[in-house]
């Protein structure tokens, strides 16, 4: 009986620490996403404008646009550490509620 409460308190402490880590990771992740989207917009606009003003060949402009699209897709397709931490916190929370 006492062991059950000790485990529950220990899990609650782990839950608090994991929640704090999750909160601290959200801000850099959001800033990283904003930076990658900004970088993708710069690459795409450079490619389109270079092609429009005939500053580069079509192949080079196409490469710039593809690179820009890849930078824009990184935040959407790469699983971040924060999501896995949120899942872990939810699992720990469900364990303490049992």
N, C-alpha and C. Protein backbone atom coordinates (compact mmCIF):
# COMPACT_ATOMS: atom_id res chain seq x y z
N UNK A 1 0.82 -1.19 0.00
CA UNK A 1 0.00 0.00 0.00
C UNK A 1 0.87 1.26 0.00
N UNK A 2 1.87 1.27 0.86
CA UNK A 2 2.76 2.41 0.95
C UNK A 2 3.62 2.54 -0.31
N UNK A 3 3.99 1.41 -0.90
CA UNK A 3 4.81 1.42 -2.12
C UNK A 3 4.04 2.07 -3.26
N UNK A 4 2.74 1.82 -3.31
CA UNK A 4 1.90 2.40 -4.36
C UNK A 4 1.91 3.93 -4.28
N UNK A 5 1.82 4.48 -3.10
CA UNK A 5 1.83 5.94 -2.93
C UNK A 5 3.21 6.53 -3.22
N UNK A 6 4.25 5.81 -2.85
CA UNK A 6 5.61 6.28 -3.14
C UNK A 6 5.83 6.33 -4.65
N UNK A 7 5.38 5.32 -5.35
CA UNK A 7 5.50 5.30 -6.81
C UNK A 7 4.69 6.42 -7.43
N UNK A 8 3.50 6.65 -6.89
CA UNK A 8 2.65 7.72 -7.42
C UNK A 8 3.28 9.10 -7.22
N UNK A 9 3.89 9.34 -6.08
CA UNK A 9 4.58 10.61 -5.83
C UNK A 9 5.78 10.75 -6.75
N UNK A 10 6.52 9.68 -6.91
CA UNK A 10 7.68 9.70 -7.81
C UNK A 10 7.26 10.00 -9.24
N UNK A 11 6.17 9.40 -9.70
CA UNK A 11 5.67 9.66 -11.05
C UNK A 11 5.17 11.10 -11.19
N UNK A 12 4.59 11.64 -10.14
CA UNK A 12 4.15 13.04 -10.19
C UNK A 12 5.34 13.99 -10.31
N UNK A 13 6.43 13.69 -9.61
CA UNK A 13 7.64 14.51 -9.74
C UNK A 13 8.22 14.42 -11.14
N UNK A 14 8.24 13.23 -11.70
CA UNK A 14 8.72 13.06 -13.07
C UNK A 14 7.81 13.82 -14.04
N UNK A 15 6.52 13.78 -13.79
CA UNK A 15 5.56 14.49 -14.62
C UNK A 15 5.81 15.99 -14.61
N UNK A 16 6.09 16.54 -13.45
CA UNK A 16 6.36 17.98 -13.33
C UNK A 16 7.64 18.34 -14.10
N UNK A 17 8.68 17.54 -13.94
CA UNK A 17 9.95 17.81 -14.63
C UNK A 17 9.77 17.71 -16.15
N UNK A 18 9.08 16.68 -16.61
CA UNK A 18 8.87 16.51 -18.05
C UNK A 18 8.00 17.63 -18.62
N UNK A 19 7.03 18.11 -17.87
CA UNK A 19 6.20 19.22 -18.34
C UNK A 19 7.03 20.49 -18.48
N UNK A 20 7.90 20.75 -17.51
CA UNK A 20 8.78 21.92 -17.59
C UNK A 20 9.72 21.83 -18.78
N UNK A 21 10.28 20.67 -19.01
CA UNK A 21 11.16 20.48 -20.16
C UNK A 21 10.39 20.70 -21.46
N UNK A 22 9.18 20.20 -21.51
CA UNK A 22 8.34 20.37 -22.70
C UNK A 22 8.05 21.84 -22.96
N UNK A 23 7.73 22.59 -21.93
CA UNK A 23 7.47 24.02 -22.08
C UNK A 23 8.71 24.76 -22.54
N UNK A 24 9.88 24.39 -21.98
CA UNK A 24 11.12 25.07 -22.35
C UNK A 24 11.55 24.75 -23.78
N UNK A 25 11.13 23.61 -24.31
CA UNK A 25 11.50 23.25 -25.67
C UNK A 25 10.56 23.85 -26.72
N UNK A 26 9.37 24.24 -26.31
CA UNK A 26 8.41 24.75 -27.28
C UNK A 26 8.85 26.07 -27.90
N UNK A 27 9.44 26.96 -27.12
CA UNK A 27 9.84 28.27 -27.63
C UNK A 27 10.94 28.15 -28.69
N UNK A 28 12.04 27.42 -28.45
CA UNK A 28 13.05 27.28 -29.51
C UNK A 28 12.52 26.55 -30.74
N UNK A 29 11.61 25.60 -30.54
CA UNK A 29 11.04 24.90 -31.69
C UNK A 29 10.20 25.85 -32.54
N UNK A 30 9.42 26.71 -31.91
CA UNK A 30 8.62 27.67 -32.66
C UNK A 30 9.52 28.65 -33.40
N UNK A 31 10.57 29.12 -32.74
CA UNK A 31 11.50 30.04 -33.40
C UNK A 31 12.22 29.36 -34.56
N UNK A 32 12.57 28.11 -34.39
CA UNK A 32 13.21 27.35 -35.48
C UNK A 32 12.28 27.19 -36.67
N UNK A 33 11.01 26.92 -36.40
CA UNK A 33 10.04 26.79 -37.49
C UNK A 33 9.87 28.11 -38.23
N UNK A 34 9.80 29.20 -37.49
CA UNK A 34 9.66 30.52 -38.12
C UNK A 34 10.89 30.81 -38.98
N UNK A 35 12.07 30.49 -38.48
CA UNK A 35 13.30 30.71 -39.24
C UNK A 35 13.31 29.89 -40.52
N UNK A 36 12.90 28.61 -40.44
CA UNK A 36 12.91 27.77 -41.64
C UNK A 36 11.89 28.24 -42.66
N UNK A 37 10.70 28.69 -42.21
CA UNK A 37 9.72 29.22 -43.15
C UNK A 37 10.23 30.50 -43.80
N UNK A 38 10.88 31.36 -43.03
CA UNK A 38 11.43 32.60 -43.57
C UNK A 38 12.51 32.28 -44.61
N UNK A 39 13.36 31.31 -44.29
CA UNK A 39 14.41 30.90 -45.22
C UNK A 39 13.82 30.33 -46.50
N UNK A 40 12.76 29.56 -46.38
CA UNK A 40 12.13 29.00 -47.58
C UNK A 40 11.52 30.09 -48.44
N UNK A 41 10.91 31.09 -47.83
CA UNK A 41 10.33 32.20 -48.60
C UNK A 41 11.44 32.95 -49.35
N UNK A 42 12.58 33.16 -48.70
CA UNK A 42 13.69 33.85 -49.36
C UNK A 42 14.19 33.06 -50.56
N UNK A 43 14.36 31.74 -50.41
CA UNK A 43 14.82 30.93 -51.53
C UNK A 43 13.82 30.92 -52.68
N UNK A 44 12.54 30.76 -52.37
CA UNK A 44 11.53 30.72 -53.43
C UNK A 44 11.44 32.06 -54.15
N UNK A 45 11.40 33.14 -53.39
CA UNK A 45 11.34 34.46 -54.03
C UNK A 45 12.59 34.75 -54.86
N UNK A 46 13.75 34.36 -54.38
CA UNK A 46 14.98 34.57 -55.14
C UNK A 46 14.94 33.78 -56.44
N UNK A 47 14.47 32.54 -56.37
CA UNK A 47 14.37 31.74 -57.59
C UNK A 47 13.39 32.32 -58.60
N UNK A 48 12.23 32.73 -58.13
CA UNK A 48 11.21 33.27 -59.03
C UNK A 48 11.67 34.60 -59.63
N UNK A 49 12.21 35.48 -58.80
CA UNK A 49 12.64 36.78 -59.31
C UNK A 49 13.86 36.66 -60.22
N UNK A 50 14.77 35.73 -59.90
CA UNK A 50 15.93 35.53 -60.77
C UNK A 50 15.49 35.02 -62.14
N UNK A 51 14.51 34.15 -62.16
CA UNK A 51 13.99 33.67 -63.45
C UNK A 51 13.23 34.78 -64.17
N UNK A 52 12.46 35.56 -63.43
CA UNK A 52 11.67 36.63 -64.03
C UNK A 52 12.53 37.72 -64.64
N UNK A 53 13.64 38.04 -64.01
CA UNK A 53 14.53 39.08 -64.52
C UNK A 53 15.69 38.50 -65.33
N UNK A 54 15.64 37.21 -65.59
CA UNK A 54 16.65 36.50 -66.41
C UNK A 54 18.06 36.68 -65.85
N UNK A 55 18.18 36.57 -64.54
CA UNK A 55 19.50 36.69 -63.91
C UNK A 55 20.22 35.35 -63.83
N UNK A 56 19.46 34.27 -63.76
CA UNK A 56 20.02 32.92 -63.68
C UNK A 56 19.33 32.03 -64.70
N UNK A 57 19.93 30.86 -64.92
CA UNK A 57 19.31 29.91 -65.85
C UNK A 57 18.09 29.29 -65.18
N UNK A 58 17.25 28.67 -66.00
CA UNK A 58 16.04 28.05 -65.47
C UNK A 58 16.39 26.91 -64.52
N UNK A 59 17.47 26.21 -64.79
CA UNK A 59 17.89 25.10 -63.92
C UNK A 59 18.26 25.62 -62.53
N UNK A 60 19.03 26.68 -62.47
CA UNK A 60 19.43 27.26 -61.18
C UNK A 60 18.21 27.81 -60.42
N UNK A 61 17.31 28.46 -61.14
CA UNK A 61 16.09 28.98 -60.49
C UNK A 61 15.23 27.84 -59.97
N UNK A 62 15.13 26.77 -60.75
CA UNK A 62 14.38 25.60 -60.30
C UNK A 62 14.99 24.99 -59.05
N UNK A 63 16.31 24.94 -59.00
CA UNK A 63 16.99 24.42 -57.80
C UNK A 63 16.70 25.28 -56.58
N UNK A 64 16.73 26.61 -56.78
CA UNK A 64 16.43 27.51 -55.65
C UNK A 64 15.00 27.30 -55.14
N UNK A 65 14.07 27.13 -56.07
CA UNK A 65 12.67 26.93 -55.67
C UNK A 65 12.50 25.59 -54.95
N UNK A 66 13.16 24.55 -55.45
CA UNK A 66 13.07 23.23 -54.80
C UNK A 66 13.69 23.26 -53.41
N UNK A 67 14.83 23.93 -53.28
CA UNK A 67 15.46 24.05 -51.96
C UNK A 67 14.55 24.83 -51.01
N UNK A 68 13.94 25.89 -51.51
CA UNK A 68 13.00 26.66 -50.68
C UNK A 68 11.81 25.82 -50.24
N UNK A 69 11.30 24.99 -51.14
CA UNK A 69 10.17 24.12 -50.76
C UNK A 69 10.60 23.08 -49.74
N UNK A 70 11.85 22.60 -49.87
CA UNK A 70 12.35 21.63 -48.89
C UNK A 70 12.49 22.26 -47.51
N UNK A 71 13.02 23.50 -47.46
CA UNK A 71 13.12 24.18 -46.17
C UNK A 71 11.73 24.43 -45.57
N UNK A 72 10.75 24.69 -46.40
CA UNK A 72 9.39 24.90 -45.91
C UNK A 72 8.74 23.62 -45.41
N UNK A 73 9.18 22.48 -45.96
CA UNK A 73 8.58 21.20 -45.58
C UNK A 73 9.21 20.59 -44.33
N UNK A 74 10.40 21.04 -43.97
CA UNK A 74 11.09 20.45 -42.82
C UNK A 74 10.25 20.53 -41.54
N UNK A 75 9.69 21.69 -41.18
CA UNK A 75 8.92 21.73 -39.93
C UNK A 75 7.64 20.88 -39.96
N UNK A 76 7.14 20.59 -41.15
CA UNK A 76 5.90 19.82 -41.25
C UNK A 76 6.12 18.32 -41.17
N UNK A 77 7.27 17.84 -41.62
CA UNK A 77 7.47 16.40 -41.73
C UNK A 77 8.46 15.80 -40.74
N UNK A 78 9.20 16.62 -40.05
CA UNK A 78 10.17 16.11 -39.09
C UNK A 78 9.52 16.06 -37.70
N UNK A 79 9.46 14.89 -37.09
CA UNK A 79 8.91 14.84 -35.73
C UNK A 79 9.88 15.47 -34.74
N UNK A 80 9.38 16.39 -33.95
CA UNK A 80 10.24 17.10 -33.01
C UNK A 80 10.20 16.42 -31.66
N UNK A 81 11.20 16.72 -30.86
CA UNK A 81 11.34 16.15 -29.53
C UNK A 81 10.17 16.55 -28.64
N UNK A 82 9.65 17.73 -28.84
CA UNK A 82 8.55 18.22 -28.01
C UNK A 82 7.30 17.37 -28.12
N UNK A 83 6.98 16.88 -29.32
CA UNK A 83 5.79 16.04 -29.48
C UNK A 83 5.95 14.73 -28.73
N UNK A 84 7.14 14.14 -28.80
CA UNK A 84 7.35 12.89 -28.09
C UNK A 84 7.33 13.12 -26.58
N UNK A 85 7.81 14.29 -26.14
CA UNK A 85 7.74 14.61 -24.71
C UNK A 85 6.29 14.80 -24.26
N UNK A 86 5.47 15.43 -25.09
CA UNK A 86 4.06 15.59 -24.75
C UNK A 86 3.38 14.24 -24.63
N UNK A 87 3.71 13.33 -25.53
CA UNK A 87 3.14 11.98 -25.47
C UNK A 87 3.57 11.27 -24.20
N UNK A 88 4.85 11.42 -23.85
CA UNK A 88 5.36 10.79 -22.63
C UNK A 88 4.69 11.37 -21.39
N UNK A 89 4.49 12.69 -21.37
CA UNK A 89 3.83 13.33 -20.23
C UNK A 89 2.39 12.84 -20.13
N UNK A 90 1.70 12.69 -21.26
CA UNK A 90 0.33 12.19 -21.23
C UNK A 90 0.27 10.76 -20.70
N UNK A 91 1.24 9.94 -21.10
CA UNK A 91 1.27 8.56 -20.61
C UNK A 91 1.53 8.52 -19.10
N UNK A 92 2.47 9.37 -18.64
CA UNK A 92 2.75 9.42 -17.21
C UNK A 92 1.53 9.92 -16.43
N UNK A 93 0.82 10.88 -17.00
CA UNK A 93 -0.38 11.39 -16.35
C UNK A 93 -1.44 10.30 -16.26
N UNK A 94 -1.58 9.51 -17.31
CA UNK A 94 -2.57 8.44 -17.26
C UNK A 94 -2.15 7.37 -16.24
N UNK A 95 -0.85 7.17 -16.06
CA UNK A 95 -0.40 6.18 -15.06
C UNK A 95 -0.69 6.67 -13.63
N UNK A 96 -0.61 7.98 -13.40
CA UNK A 96 -0.86 8.46 -12.05
C UNK A 96 -2.35 8.50 -11.74
N UNK A 97 -3.20 8.53 -12.75
CA UNK A 97 -4.63 8.57 -12.51
C UNK A 97 -5.25 7.21 -12.27
N UNK A 98 -4.48 6.15 -12.51
CA UNK A 98 -5.03 4.81 -12.31
C UNK A 98 -5.12 4.43 -10.86
